[in-house]
N, C-alpha and C. Protein backbone atom coordinates (compact mmCIF):
# COMPACT_ATOMS: atom_id res chain seq x y z
N MET A 1 130.17 -129.71 166.14
CA MET A 1 129.59 -130.49 166.69
C MET A 1 129.34 -131.62 165.97
N ARG A 2 128.62 -133.02 165.93
CA ARG A 2 128.67 -134.49 165.08
C ARG A 2 126.87 -134.61 166.00
N PHE A 3 126.24 -135.10 164.96
CA PHE A 3 125.16 -135.43 165.58
C PHE A 3 124.90 -137.18 165.56
N ASP A 4 124.19 -138.00 166.37
CA ASP A 4 123.82 -139.64 166.35
C ASP A 4 122.94 -138.99 165.28
N PRO A 5 122.76 -139.78 164.34
CA PRO A 5 121.69 -139.78 162.70
C PRO A 5 120.68 -140.18 163.64
N GLU A 6 120.80 -142.01 163.92
CA GLU A 6 119.42 -142.18 165.33
C GLU A 6 118.24 -141.03 165.76
N LEU A 7 120.11 -140.19 166.25
CA LEU A 7 118.98 -139.47 167.31
C LEU A 7 117.82 -138.02 166.06
N LEU A 8 118.13 -137.93 164.76
CA LEU A 8 117.91 -136.81 163.54
C LEU A 8 116.66 -137.71 163.29
N LYS A 9 116.55 -138.97 163.18
CA LYS A 9 115.64 -139.43 161.74
C LYS A 9 114.27 -138.36 162.03
N PRO A 10 113.66 -138.21 162.93
CA PRO A 10 112.46 -137.85 163.27
C PRO A 10 112.84 -135.79 162.38
N SER A 11 113.74 -135.36 162.80
CA SER A 11 114.08 -134.47 161.69
C SER A 11 114.23 -134.72 160.03
N VAL A 12 114.76 -135.82 159.74
CA VAL A 12 115.17 -136.26 158.26
C VAL A 12 114.20 -137.14 158.06
N LEU A 13 112.99 -137.30 158.38
CA LEU A 13 111.31 -137.88 157.86
C LEU A 13 111.11 -136.66 157.27
N ARG A 14 110.95 -135.52 158.24
CA ARG A 14 110.20 -134.53 158.15
C ARG A 14 110.72 -133.23 156.96
N LEU A 15 111.73 -133.36 156.93
CA LEU A 15 112.40 -132.81 155.89
C LEU A 15 112.41 -133.64 153.92
N LYS A 16 112.75 -135.16 154.24
CA LYS A 16 112.19 -135.55 153.39
C LYS A 16 110.37 -135.45 153.04
N ARG A 17 109.54 -135.63 154.10
CA ARG A 17 107.99 -135.11 153.31
C ARG A 17 107.98 -133.31 152.92
N ALA A 18 108.83 -132.64 153.90
CA ALA A 18 108.99 -131.14 153.15
C ALA A 18 109.47 -131.01 151.40
N SER A 19 110.19 -131.47 151.43
CA SER A 19 110.97 -132.38 149.73
C SER A 19 110.03 -132.30 148.88
N GLY A 20 108.72 -134.26 149.64
CA GLY A 20 108.50 -134.11 148.34
C GLY A 20 107.00 -133.08 148.96
N GLN A 21 106.93 -132.53 149.98
CA GLN A 21 105.73 -131.58 149.22
C GLN A 21 106.06 -129.95 148.07
N LEU A 22 107.36 -130.17 148.38
CA LEU A 22 108.76 -128.87 147.40
C LEU A 22 107.91 -129.48 145.90
N ASN A 23 108.13 -130.84 145.82
CA ASN A 23 108.04 -131.19 144.67
C ASN A 23 105.87 -131.21 144.00
N ALA A 24 105.39 -131.27 144.68
CA ALA A 24 104.14 -131.05 144.67
C ALA A 24 103.92 -129.58 144.46
N VAL A 25 104.11 -128.44 144.68
CA VAL A 25 104.44 -127.23 145.11
C VAL A 25 104.53 -126.89 143.30
N ILE A 26 106.06 -127.39 143.36
CA ILE A 26 106.84 -127.47 141.20
C ILE A 26 105.36 -127.83 140.21
N ARG A 27 104.81 -128.96 140.70
CA ARG A 27 104.03 -129.13 139.61
C ARG A 27 102.64 -128.78 139.32
N MET A 28 102.48 -127.53 140.74
CA MET A 28 100.90 -127.28 140.85
C MET A 28 101.57 -126.11 139.88
N LEU A 29 102.70 -125.31 140.15
CA LEU A 29 103.28 -124.01 139.01
C LEU A 29 103.08 -125.12 137.80
N GLU A 30 103.31 -125.53 137.40
CA GLU A 30 103.69 -126.20 135.69
C GLU A 30 102.38 -126.44 135.18
N SER A 31 101.43 -127.11 136.27
CA SER A 31 100.57 -127.25 135.60
C SER A 31 99.24 -126.15 135.60
N GLY A 32 99.84 -125.05 136.43
CA GLY A 32 98.86 -123.88 136.28
C GLY A 32 97.84 -123.49 137.10
N ARG A 33 97.94 -124.52 138.64
CA ARG A 33 96.87 -124.19 139.09
C ARG A 33 96.72 -122.43 140.22
N GLU A 34 95.72 -122.38 140.72
CA GLU A 34 95.64 -120.83 141.30
C GLU A 34 96.91 -120.58 142.27
N TYR A 35 97.10 -119.54 142.39
CA TYR A 35 98.25 -118.88 142.97
C TYR A 35 98.22 -119.49 144.39
N GLU A 36 96.84 -119.13 144.96
CA GLU A 36 96.60 -118.88 146.34
C GLU A 36 97.03 -119.76 146.49
N GLU A 37 96.48 -121.37 146.47
CA GLU A 37 96.66 -122.80 146.59
C GLU A 37 98.03 -122.89 146.78
N VAL A 38 99.40 -122.62 145.47
CA VAL A 38 100.45 -122.59 145.67
C VAL A 38 101.35 -121.65 146.58
N ILE A 39 100.72 -120.21 147.01
CA ILE A 39 101.59 -119.66 148.11
C ILE A 39 100.75 -120.90 149.48
N THR A 40 99.47 -121.15 149.64
CA THR A 40 99.58 -121.91 150.69
C THR A 40 100.62 -123.13 151.11
N GLN A 41 100.94 -123.68 149.42
CA GLN A 41 101.59 -124.77 149.78
C GLN A 41 103.13 -124.49 150.07
N ILE A 42 103.39 -123.34 149.79
CA ILE A 42 105.05 -122.78 149.75
C ILE A 42 105.00 -122.65 150.81
N ALA A 43 103.92 -121.52 151.92
CA ALA A 43 104.26 -121.51 152.63
C ALA A 43 103.79 -123.16 154.13
N ALA A 44 103.53 -123.97 153.92
CA ALA A 44 103.84 -125.26 154.63
C ALA A 44 104.99 -125.61 154.10
N VAL A 45 105.77 -125.74 153.48
CA VAL A 45 106.96 -126.62 152.78
C VAL A 45 108.03 -125.66 153.76
N SER A 46 107.60 -124.05 153.85
CA SER A 46 108.73 -123.10 154.24
C SER A 46 108.82 -123.39 156.01
N LYS A 47 107.10 -124.26 156.54
CA LYS A 47 106.98 -123.96 157.99
C LYS A 47 108.02 -125.09 158.42
N ALA A 48 107.51 -126.60 157.49
CA ALA A 48 108.06 -128.27 157.90
C ALA A 48 109.59 -127.98 157.73
N ILE A 49 110.10 -126.97 156.75
CA ILE A 49 111.95 -126.49 157.05
C ILE A 49 112.16 -126.70 158.30
N ASP A 50 111.39 -125.09 158.52
CA ASP A 50 111.67 -124.34 159.54
C ASP A 50 111.53 -125.26 160.70
N ARG A 51 110.74 -125.75 160.88
CA ARG A 51 110.40 -127.30 162.29
C ARG A 51 111.39 -128.11 162.23
N ALA A 52 112.03 -128.26 161.22
CA ALA A 52 112.81 -129.52 160.88
C ALA A 52 114.28 -128.42 161.74
N GLY A 53 114.69 -127.93 161.52
CA GLY A 53 116.06 -126.62 161.87
C GLY A 53 115.51 -126.53 163.37
N TYR A 54 114.97 -126.23 163.89
CA TYR A 54 114.33 -125.90 165.06
C TYR A 54 114.79 -127.45 165.62
N SER A 55 114.24 -127.75 165.39
CA SER A 55 114.37 -129.54 165.70
C SER A 55 115.68 -130.26 166.40
N ILE A 56 116.63 -129.91 164.74
CA ILE A 56 117.72 -130.08 164.72
C ILE A 56 118.51 -129.16 165.83
N ILE A 57 118.41 -128.09 165.62
CA ILE A 57 119.28 -126.99 167.03
C ILE A 57 118.99 -127.45 168.73
N ALA A 58 117.71 -127.65 168.76
CA ALA A 58 117.33 -128.33 169.89
C ALA A 58 117.64 -129.65 170.66
N GLN A 59 117.57 -130.42 169.52
CA GLN A 59 118.71 -132.08 169.59
C GLN A 59 120.17 -131.85 169.90
N GLY A 60 120.80 -130.44 168.81
CA GLY A 60 122.05 -130.22 169.50
C GLY A 60 122.29 -129.73 171.00
N MET A 61 120.83 -128.57 171.56
CA MET A 61 121.48 -128.48 172.60
C MET A 61 121.02 -129.36 173.84
N ARG A 62 120.57 -130.38 173.29
CA ARG A 62 120.34 -131.57 174.28
C ARG A 62 121.37 -132.29 174.54
N THR A 63 122.28 -132.25 173.59
CA THR A 63 123.38 -133.62 173.10
C THR A 63 124.66 -132.85 174.08
N CYS A 64 124.63 -131.19 173.69
CA CYS A 64 125.24 -130.70 174.57
C CYS A 64 125.23 -130.63 176.13
N LEU A 65 123.67 -130.19 176.93
CA LEU A 65 123.69 -130.77 178.26
C LEU A 65 124.37 -132.25 177.86
N ALA A 66 123.61 -133.23 177.55
CA ALA A 66 123.97 -134.02 178.38
C ALA A 66 125.41 -134.82 178.57
N ASP A 67 126.15 -133.58 177.62
CA ASP A 67 128.00 -133.90 177.55
C ASP A 67 128.07 -132.93 179.22
N ASP A 68 127.67 -132.16 178.95
CA ASP A 68 128.27 -130.33 180.03
C ASP A 68 126.80 -129.96 180.92
N PRO A 69 126.41 -131.28 182.01
CA PRO A 69 125.45 -130.54 182.48
C PRO A 69 125.10 -129.10 182.72
N THR A 70 126.22 -128.81 183.19
CA THR A 70 126.77 -127.29 184.32
C THR A 70 126.09 -126.30 182.50
N GLY A 71 126.42 -126.96 181.87
CA GLY A 71 126.26 -125.95 180.38
C GLY A 71 127.27 -125.17 180.22
N GLU A 72 128.10 -124.86 181.23
CA GLU A 72 129.47 -123.93 180.70
C GLU A 72 129.88 -124.17 179.49
N SER A 73 130.43 -124.85 178.93
CA SER A 73 131.22 -125.42 177.27
C SER A 73 130.00 -125.22 176.57
N ILE A 74 128.67 -124.55 176.88
CA ILE A 74 128.03 -124.16 175.71
C ILE A 74 128.42 -123.08 175.39
N ASP A 75 128.71 -122.37 173.82
CA ASP A 75 128.48 -121.54 172.88
C ASP A 75 127.46 -121.14 172.88
N THR A 76 126.88 -119.67 173.80
CA THR A 76 125.31 -119.51 173.54
C THR A 76 125.38 -118.36 172.16
N GLY A 77 126.56 -117.89 171.98
CA GLY A 77 126.35 -116.58 171.59
C GLY A 77 126.31 -117.81 170.20
N LYS A 78 126.44 -118.98 170.08
CA LYS A 78 126.21 -119.71 168.34
C LYS A 78 125.35 -119.89 168.49
N LEU A 79 124.94 -120.59 169.17
CA LEU A 79 122.78 -121.16 169.74
C LEU A 79 122.74 -120.55 169.09
N GLU A 80 122.14 -118.34 169.86
CA GLU A 80 121.55 -117.89 169.35
C GLU A 80 121.93 -117.58 167.39
N ARG A 81 123.20 -117.34 167.14
CA ARG A 81 123.39 -117.17 165.58
C ARG A 81 122.89 -118.41 164.56
N LEU A 82 122.44 -119.11 165.54
CA LEU A 82 121.34 -120.53 164.60
C LEU A 82 120.29 -120.05 164.16
N PHE A 83 119.94 -120.14 166.25
CA PHE A 83 118.22 -118.94 165.55
C PHE A 83 117.93 -118.73 164.83
N LEU A 84 118.47 -117.25 165.16
CA LEU A 84 118.03 -116.46 164.42
C LEU A 84 118.70 -116.55 162.87
N THR A 85 119.53 -117.30 162.46
CA THR A 85 119.30 -118.48 161.28
C THR A 85 118.28 -118.30 159.94
N LEU A 86 117.68 -119.02 161.39
CA LEU A 86 116.03 -119.90 160.69
C LEU A 86 114.87 -118.92 160.85
N SER A 87 115.33 -117.86 161.14
CA SER A 87 114.11 -116.39 161.48
C SER A 87 113.69 -115.88 160.27
């Protein structure tokens, strides 16, 4: 399934912020920051990326339901695998 890029703007913005956070984590490591701070920031980056993934899946579900309001053509197995990929 392809998406309308307009619908994914919030996810793209979230991933761009996560990219900036990840670059900051790398700089923290290179400058010798405390490991507790680094781990906290890594967790934040990971959560931001996961949330973007879930948001993309949710948008896909909305798009599928808009195309087929009965939901009969939705591959639930595929959706389940996508969710589990992020867990």
